[in-house]
Amino acid sequence: MSTSACAHNPASLLEASAGDCPPPRSLTRRRRRLYVAVTLVVAPLLAGLLAEVACRWVFGVDAIGRTELTDDPVLFYRLKPGTCVKAATVTETINDLGMRGLDSPAFAKLPGVTRVAWVGDSACYGYGVEDNETAAAQLQDMAGLQGLAVESLNFGVPGYNALQVAAVAQQRLNVFDEIDYVVYFHHENDIANFCGFRTTAFTPFRGFWGYDRPGSTLKRVLRRSLLLNMIYEQVVFAPGGAPRSAGPNTWMPVTTTLTEAAERPMSRHTSISVDYYAERGSHYALFRRDLGRIASVARDRGARLIVVYFPTLSLNVPARSGLVAEPLRDLCTELGVTLADTTDAFAAQASSGLYTDETHPGALGHGIIAEAVLEAMIQDR
């Protein structure tokens, strides 16, 4: 049958085989357009998926190799045992037990020694300071000067939220004999998921959705893309980790004075955390639950819990000093635990070394925190 016959006799299309009558030109054009449209949508998605898989395979969870993935459904990553890494200008040592510090402590406590277990995130870990400058290490030295034998166990892991910190307390403290004190090194962003850009991509949905920051479901899913996080990291940060821009409501450089900090709005990350404490909503309820778990672990081990608070650079100004400290104090009072508040001690310092960046204490800041913990221990005696 001819093409013209097919065109002028539609009924014949039903009778003829596919090879007899070619499809009308309009139908062919529609198919071509549909094919082009599908290709334009599917091809970038497929390319992005392949790039995402490649990034995860090549780069992994940590840019400098301090952490590794684990099968634990709550922790999902941990410090890599027996690792020594160079981060910016400092050297970070992780002992064979996966703890910050040069030496691996014995499981049994020596007679006459007070054993202190530190739990927390990157602030507790000592991000940006040397091994001997962390609060845990400085506590040992300060106590020794007063004739007290103190052993610090630093279980801090960068990026952990309160759920993970509580899990560390539940899982790892039981391995060691006789814990006398548990120090929860509080950080303002423990109330939300604020782990590093690359680590965020590996954050599971189960168990962590409640700690996520504000955003649509799509945005919260895209936060788990390692490719997008790496692009964002390159755009926002210069080599070495310093932010490319320190404009309003972004990051404050470490050179920012306390007077300058008072004249600037809080950074976005700090603002989000402050709002969660002020609203006392779902994030606050989760944080309260997990702080209660840490307190419960300490009680079960016969240890005293000390919660230590320090103000980040955005909060180290009089008008904001109580935005996180006061809700945290209320929680500690409710749970019956000791709060070592370093707000006044941080505010009294104007010298360099107080911070390594906007949210992490420097060597001087860690020293202030160690002093506050030691004072709380002495008062407890």
Protein backbone atom coordinates (compact mmCIF):
# COMPACT_ATOMS: atom_id res chain seq x y z
CA MET A 1 0.00 0.00 0.00
CA SER A 2 1.34 3.43 -0.89
CA THR A 3 2.09 6.18 1.55
CA SER A 4 -0.52 8.42 -0.05
CA ALA A 5 -3.13 5.69 0.33
CA CYS A 6 -2.35 5.39 4.02
CA ALA A 7 -2.58 9.13 4.44
CA HIS A 8 -5.95 9.40 2.67
CA ASN A 9 -7.51 6.27 4.13
CA PRO A 10 -7.03 6.15 7.94
CA ALA A 11 -8.94 2.88 8.21
CA SER A 12 -6.31 1.20 6.11
CA LEU A 13 -3.77 1.93 8.84
CA LEU A 14 -5.51 -0.69 10.98
CA GLU A 15 -5.43 -3.26 8.23
CA ALA A 16 -1.89 -2.73 6.98
CA SER A 17 1.23 -3.99 8.64
CA ALA A 18 3.74 -1.64 10.21
CA GLY A 19 6.03 -2.01 7.27
CA ASP A 20 3.36 -1.01 4.76
CA CYS A 21 2.56 2.42 6.12
CA PRO A 22 5.22 4.68 7.66
CA PRO A 23 4.05 6.83 10.59
CA PRO A 24 2.77 10.30 9.77
CA ARG A 25 5.37 13.06 9.80
CA SER A 26 3.64 14.83 12.70
CA LEU A 27 3.87 11.66 14.82
CA THR A 28 7.54 11.24 13.93
CA ARG A 29 8.27 14.83 14.95
CA ARG A 30 6.48 14.34 18.27
CA ARG A 31 8.49 11.22 18.98
CA ARG A 32 11.71 13.02 18.12
CA ARG A 33 10.86 15.90 20.41
CA LEU A 34 9.94 13.50 23.22
CA TYR A 35 13.23 11.67 22.74
CA VAL A 36 15.19 14.93 22.87
CA ALA A 37 13.30 16.08 25.97
CA VAL A 38 13.86 12.79 27.77
CA THR A 39 17.53 12.82 26.80
CA LEU A 40 17.97 16.36 28.10
CA VAL A 41 16.51 15.31 31.46
CA VAL A 42 17.88 11.80 31.86
CA ALA A 43 21.41 12.37 30.58
CA PRO A 44 22.38 15.02 33.19
CA LEU A 45 20.78 12.96 35.96
CA LEU A 46 22.67 9.87 34.88
CA ALA A 47 25.92 11.84 34.56
CA GLY A 48 25.36 13.36 38.00
CA LEU A 49 24.66 9.94 39.51
CA LEU A 50 27.84 8.49 38.00
CA ALA A 51 29.84 11.50 39.23
CA GLU A 52 28.34 11.06 42.73
CA VAL A 53 29.33 7.40 42.81
CA ALA A 54 32.83 8.25 41.57
CA CYS A 55 33.27 10.96 44.23
CA ARG A 56 32.23 8.60 47.00
CA TRP A 57 34.57 5.92 45.72
CA VAL A 58 37.58 8.22 45.30
CA PHE A 59 37.29 10.79 48.09
CA GLY A 60 35.40 9.06 50.88
CA VAL A 61 34.05 10.54 54.10
CA ASP A 62 37.05 12.63 55.15
CA ALA A 63 39.29 14.95 53.17
CA ILE A 64 42.39 14.33 55.32
CA GLY A 65 41.79 10.77 56.51
CA ARG A 66 41.05 11.23 60.22
CA THR A 67 37.77 9.27 60.05
CA GLU A 68 36.42 6.10 58.49
CA LEU A 69 32.97 4.66 57.86
CA THR A 70 31.57 2.06 60.24
CA ASP A 71 28.58 -0.29 60.18
CA ASP A 72 27.19 1.28 63.34
CA PRO A 73 23.75 2.69 62.39
CA VAL A 74 24.05 5.62 64.81
CA LEU A 75 27.70 6.63 64.71
CA PHE A 76 28.11 5.71 60.99
CA TYR A 77 31.71 7.00 61.07
CA ARG A 78 34.46 7.11 63.68
CA LEU A 79 38.03 8.24 64.19
CA LYS A 80 40.49 6.05 62.33
CA PRO A 81 42.72 4.26 64.89
CA GLY A 82 46.47 4.72 64.66
CA THR A 83 46.29 7.78 62.45
CA CYS A 84 48.38 10.94 62.42
CA VAL A 85 47.16 13.71 60.15
CA LYS A 86 48.26 17.23 59.33
CA ALA A 87 45.31 19.61 59.51
CA ALA A 88 46.18 23.19 58.54
CA THR A 89 49.10 24.07 60.83
CA VAL A 90 48.60 21.44 63.54
CA THR A 91 49.23 17.73 63.88
CA GLU A 92 46.38 15.53 65.09
CA THR A 93 47.20 12.13 66.54
CA ILE A 94 44.60 9.40 66.96
CA ASN A 95 45.78 6.52 69.10
CA ASP A 96 45.27 2.81 68.51
CA LEU A 97 41.96 2.88 70.39
CA GLY A 98 40.53 5.56 68.09
CA MET A 99 40.85 8.44 70.57
CA ARG A 100 42.56 11.80 70.25
CA GLY A 101 45.99 11.71 71.84
CA LEU A 102 49.43 10.19 71.54
CA ASP A 103 49.14 7.31 73.98
CA SER A 104 46.59 4.51 74.22
CA PRO A 105 45.36 4.33 77.84
CA ALA A 106 45.11 1.07 79.73
CA PHE A 107 41.64 -0.30 80.27
CA ALA A 108 42.26 -0.71 84.00
CA LYS A 109 42.67 2.47 86.03
CA LEU A 110 45.84 2.91 88.07
CA PRO A 111 45.45 3.33 91.85
CA GLY A 112 45.14 6.92 93.03
CA VAL A 113 44.26 8.23 89.57
CA THR A 114 41.08 10.16 88.78
CA ARG A 115 39.83 9.09 85.36
CA VAL A 116 37.91 11.62 83.26
CA ALA A 117 36.12 10.65 80.04
CA TRP A 118 35.46 13.49 77.60
CA VAL A 119 32.67 13.20 75.03
CA GLY A 120 31.62 15.69 72.38
CA ASP A 121 32.20 16.82 68.81
CA SER A 122 35.06 18.66 67.09
CA ALA A 123 35.41 21.14 69.96
CA CYS A 124 36.03 18.29 72.38
CA TYR A 125 38.28 16.55 69.86
CA GLY A 126 40.42 19.66 69.64
CA TYR A 127 39.92 20.82 66.07
CA GLY A 128 42.65 23.29 65.19
CA VAL A 129 44.92 22.70 68.19
CA GLU A 130 47.85 20.38 68.90
CA ASP A 131 47.47 17.15 70.85
CA ASN A 132 48.81 18.69 74.07
CA GLU A 133 46.61 21.79 73.72
CA THR A 134 43.21 20.10 73.96
CA ALA A 135 41.21 20.70 77.12
CA ALA A 136 41.51 17.00 77.95
CA ALA A 137 45.32 17.14 77.76
CA GLN A 138 45.58 20.47 79.59
CA LEU A 139 43.40 19.15 82.43
CA GLN A 140 45.99 16.45 83.14
CA ASP A 141 48.80 19.02 83.25
CA MET A 142 46.87 21.50 85.42
CA ALA A 143 45.86 18.80 87.87
CA GLY A 144 49.44 17.58 88.08
CA LEU A 145 50.59 21.05 89.12
CA GLN A 146 48.19 20.80 92.06
CA GLY A 147 49.39 17.35 93.04
CA LEU A 148 46.40 15.54 91.55
CA ALA A 149 46.76 12.53 89.27
CA VAL A 150 44.20 12.83 86.48
CA GLU A 151 43.87 10.72 83.35
CA SER A 152 41.83 12.13 80.47
CA LEU A 153 40.20 9.96 77.81
CA ASN A 154 39.26 12.08 74.80
CA PHE A 155 36.36 10.47 72.91
CA GLY A 156 35.51 13.63 70.90
CA VAL A 157 34.71 13.11 67.21
CA PRO A 158 34.31 15.99 64.72
CA GLY A 159 30.79 16.42 63.40
CA TYR A 160 28.91 14.35 65.94
CA ASN A 161 25.53 15.60 67.12
CA ALA A 162 24.07 14.91 70.58
CA LEU A 163 22.58 11.60 69.43
CA GLN A 164 26.02 10.33 68.44
CA VAL A 165 27.71 11.76 71.54
CA ALA A 166 25.22 9.86 73.69
CA ALA A 167 25.94 6.69 71.69
CA VAL A 168 29.68 7.12 72.33
CA ALA A 169 29.00 7.43 76.05
CA GLN A 170 26.84 4.30 75.97
CA GLN A 171 29.21 2.19 73.88
CA ARG A 172 32.76 3.19 74.64
CA LEU A 173 32.81 4.11 78.31
CA ASN A 174 31.85 0.57 79.30
CA VAL A 175 35.17 -0.71 77.92
CA PHE A 176 37.17 1.14 80.58
CA ASP A 177 37.20 0.37 84.29
CA GLU A 178 36.20 2.96 86.86
CA ILE A 179 35.25 6.21 85.16
CA ASP A 180 35.17 8.92 87.85
CA TYR A 181 33.92 11.84 85.76
CA VAL A 182 32.21 12.18 82.41
CA VAL A 183 32.71 15.59 80.81
CA TYR A 184 30.28 16.49 78.06
CA PHE A 185 32.08 19.18 76.06
CA HIS A 186 29.01 21.04 74.82
CA HIS A 187 29.04 22.81 71.48
CA GLU A 188 26.21 25.07 70.36
CA ASN A 189 25.56 23.04 67.19
CA ASP A 190 25.20 19.67 68.94
CA ILE A 191 21.49 20.36 68.68
CA ALA A 192 21.57 19.98 64.88
CA ASN A 193 23.42 18.20 62.08
CA PHE A 194 26.42 20.43 61.39
CA CYS A 195 29.07 17.90 60.44
CA GLY A 196 31.64 18.70 57.74
CA PHE A 197 30.62 19.07 54.12
CA ARG A 198 31.94 15.69 53.03
CA THR A 199 30.70 13.93 56.14
CA THR A 200 27.21 15.34 55.59
CA ALA A 201 26.96 13.36 52.37
CA PHE A 202 27.28 10.12 54.32
CA THR A 203 24.82 11.05 57.05
CA PRO A 204 22.05 8.45 56.99
CA PHE A 205 18.41 9.43 56.97
CA ARG A 206 17.30 7.00 59.65
CA GLY A 207 17.81 8.45 63.09
CA PHE A 208 19.17 11.77 61.82
CA TRP A 209 16.19 13.37 60.11
CA GLY A 210 15.06 14.99 63.35
CA TYR A 211 18.42 16.73 63.81
CA ASP A 212 18.52 18.10 60.26
CA ARG A 213 18.59 21.83 59.64
CA PRO A 214 15.59 23.67 58.12
CA GLY A 215 14.77 23.06 54.48
CA SER A 216 12.46 21.28 52.10
CA THR A 217 12.65 17.52 51.70
CA LEU A 218 14.49 18.00 48.39
CA LYS A 219 17.05 20.29 50.00
CA ARG A 220 17.62 17.89 52.86
CA VAL A 221 18.15 15.05 50.38
CA LEU A 222 20.56 17.11 48.27
CA ARG A 223 22.63 17.78 51.39
CA ARG A 224 23.59 14.12 51.18
CA SER A 225 25.29 14.61 47.81
CA LEU A 226 29.07 14.43 48.15
CA LEU A 227 29.50 15.99 44.70
CA LEU A 228 27.40 19.04 45.60
CA ASN A 229 29.07 19.37 49.00
CA MET A 230 32.52 19.30 47.42
CA ILE A 231 31.53 21.94 44.87
CA TYR A 232 30.11 24.08 47.66
CA GLU A 233 33.27 23.60 49.71
CA GLN A 234 35.43 24.78 46.81
CA VAL A 235 33.23 27.80 46.13
CA VAL A 236 32.86 28.94 49.75
CA PHE A 237 36.27 28.10 51.18
CA ALA A 238 39.75 28.99 50.03
CA PRO A 239 42.64 26.49 50.25
CA GLY A 240 43.50 25.91 53.89
CA GLY A 241 39.91 26.08 55.10
CA ALA A 242 39.45 29.84 55.48
CA PRO A 243 36.12 31.20 54.18
CA ARG A 244 36.42 33.16 50.95
CA SER A 245 33.82 35.60 52.21
CA ALA A 246 33.21 36.87 55.72
CA GLY A 247 30.21 39.03 54.93
CA PRO A 248 27.21 39.59 57.18
CA ASN A 249 25.50 36.43 58.40
CA THR A 250 28.26 34.15 57.04
CA TRP A 251 31.50 33.32 58.86
CA MET A 252 33.54 35.57 61.10
CA PRO A 253 37.31 35.32 60.58
CA VAL A 254 39.31 34.34 63.65
CA THR A 255 40.89 37.81 63.63
CA THR A 256 37.50 39.33 64.48
CA THR A 257 37.72 41.15 67.80
CA LEU A 258 34.99 40.84 70.42
CA THR A 259 34.00 44.44 69.72
CA GLU A 260 33.65 43.68 66.01
CA ALA A 261 31.71 40.52 66.78
CA ALA A 262 29.19 42.54 68.77
CA GLU A 263 28.58 44.77 65.74
CA ARG A 264 27.96 41.87 63.36
CA PRO A 265 24.92 39.62 63.14
CA MET A 266 25.28 36.06 64.29
CA SER A 267 26.49 33.62 61.67
CA ARG A 268 23.78 31.53 60.06
CA HIS A 269 24.87 28.32 61.79
CA THR A 270 24.88 29.97 65.22
CA SER A 271 21.55 31.64 64.51
CA ILE A 272 19.94 28.31 63.63
CA SER A 273 21.20 26.69 66.83
CA VAL A 274 20.09 29.65 68.94
CA ASP A 275 16.60 29.45 67.43
CA TYR A 276 16.34 25.76 68.28
CA TYR A 277 17.15 26.47 71.93
CA ALA A 278 14.75 29.43 72.06
CA GLU A 279 11.85 27.62 70.38
CA ARG A 280 12.24 24.58 72.63
CA GLY A 281 10.60 22.48 69.93
CA SER A 282 11.49 19.13 68.39
CA HIS A 283 15.25 19.76 68.16
CA TYR A 284 15.33 20.87 71.80
CA ALA A 285 13.34 17.78 72.83
CA LEU A 286 15.79 15.49 71.01
CA PHE A 287 18.75 17.26 72.59
CA ARG A 288 17.18 16.98 76.04
CA ARG A 289 16.61 13.26 75.47
CA ASP A 290 20.22 12.66 74.45
CA LEU A 291 21.67 14.78 77.25
CA GLY A 292 19.55 12.67 79.59
CA ARG A 293 21.10 9.54 78.07
CA ILE A 294 24.60 10.85 78.75
CA ALA A 295 23.60 11.62 82.34
CA SER A 296 22.13 8.14 82.70
CA VAL A 297 25.34 6.50 81.45
CA ALA A 298 27.37 8.51 83.96
CA ARG A 299 25.08 7.51 86.83
CA ASP A 300 25.18 3.84 85.83
CA ARG A 301 29.00 3.95 85.88
CA GLY A 302 29.01 5.66 89.28
CA ALA A 303 30.55 8.77 87.68
CA ARG A 304 29.70 12.43 88.01
CA LEU A 305 28.66 14.27 84.85
CA ILE A 306 30.06 17.73 84.17
CA VAL A 307 28.63 19.66 81.23
CA VAL A 308 31.07 22.34 80.12
CA TYR A 309 29.83 25.28 78.06
CA PHE A 310 31.87 27.79 76.08
CA PRO A 311 30.56 30.65 73.91
CA THR A 312 31.51 30.64 70.24
CA LEU A 313 32.77 33.89 68.74
CA SER A 314 29.27 34.98 67.66
CA LEU A 315 27.97 34.52 71.21
CA ASN A 316 30.94 35.96 73.09
CA VAL A 317 29.30 39.37 73.42
CA PRO A 318 27.15 40.61 76.35
CA ALA A 319 23.90 40.90 74.42
CA ARG A 320 24.06 37.24 73.30
CA SER A 321 25.87 35.60 76.19
CA GLY A 322 22.81 33.82 77.54
CA LEU A 323 21.14 32.71 74.31
CA VAL A 324 22.48 29.17 74.61
CA ALA A 325 23.96 29.19 78.12
CA GLU A 326 20.62 29.87 79.87
CA PRO A 327 18.59 27.09 78.16
CA LEU A 328 21.50 24.72 78.78
CA ARG A 329 21.64 25.76 82.44
CA ASP A 330 17.91 25.05 82.77
CA LEU A 331 18.40 21.59 81.29
CA CYS A 332 21.31 20.81 83.60
CA THR A 333 19.29 21.93 86.62
CA GLU A 334 16.36 19.78 85.50
CA LEU A 335 18.61 16.72 85.05
CA GLY A 336 20.59 17.36 88.22
CA VAL A 337 24.02 17.64 86.59
CA THR A 338 26.85 20.13 87.05
CA LEU A 339 27.33 22.91 84.50
CA ALA A 340 30.78 24.47 84.15
CA ASP A 341 29.99 27.76 82.40
CA THR A 342 32.99 29.55 80.90
CA THR A 343 31.05 32.54 79.53
CA ASP A 344 32.63 35.12 81.85
CA ALA A 345 36.13 33.69 81.48
CA PHE A 346 35.92 33.82 77.68
CA ALA A 347 34.50 37.36 77.75
CA ALA A 348 37.41 38.52 79.92
CA GLN A 349 39.99 37.43 77.33
CA ALA A 350 40.96 39.62 74.41
CA SER A 351 44.24 37.99 73.42
CA SER A 352 44.89 35.78 70.42
CA GLY A 353 44.55 32.05 70.82
CA LEU A 354 41.05 32.16 72.25
CA TYR A 355 39.62 30.70 69.03
CA THR A 356 40.95 28.84 66.02
CA ASP A 357 37.92 29.85 63.97
CA GLU A 358 34.45 31.17 64.64
CA THR A 359 33.16 28.07 66.39
CA HIS A 360 36.20 26.27 67.86
CA PRO A 361 38.28 27.26 70.88
CA GLY A 362 42.01 27.73 70.45
CA ALA A 363 44.72 26.65 72.87
CA LEU A 364 43.85 29.49 75.27
CA GLY A 365 40.15 28.65 75.06
CA HIS A 366 40.85 24.98 75.78
CA GLY A 367 42.89 26.07 78.78
CA ILE A 368 39.95 28.06 80.15
CA ILE A 369 37.69 25.05 79.69
CA ALA A 370 40.17 22.74 81.43
CA GLU A 371 40.37 25.18 84.37
CA ALA A 372 36.58 25.24 84.68
CA VAL A 373 36.39 21.44 84.70
CA LEU A 374 39.20 21.16 87.26
CA GLU A 375 37.46 23.70 89.50
CA ALA A 376 34.21 21.72 89.28
CA MET A 377 36.09 18.53 90.19
CA ILE A 378 37.81 20.16 93.17
CA GLN A 379 34.49 21.56 94.45
CA ASP A 380 32.99 18.10 94.09
CA ARG A 381 35.73 16.61 96.30
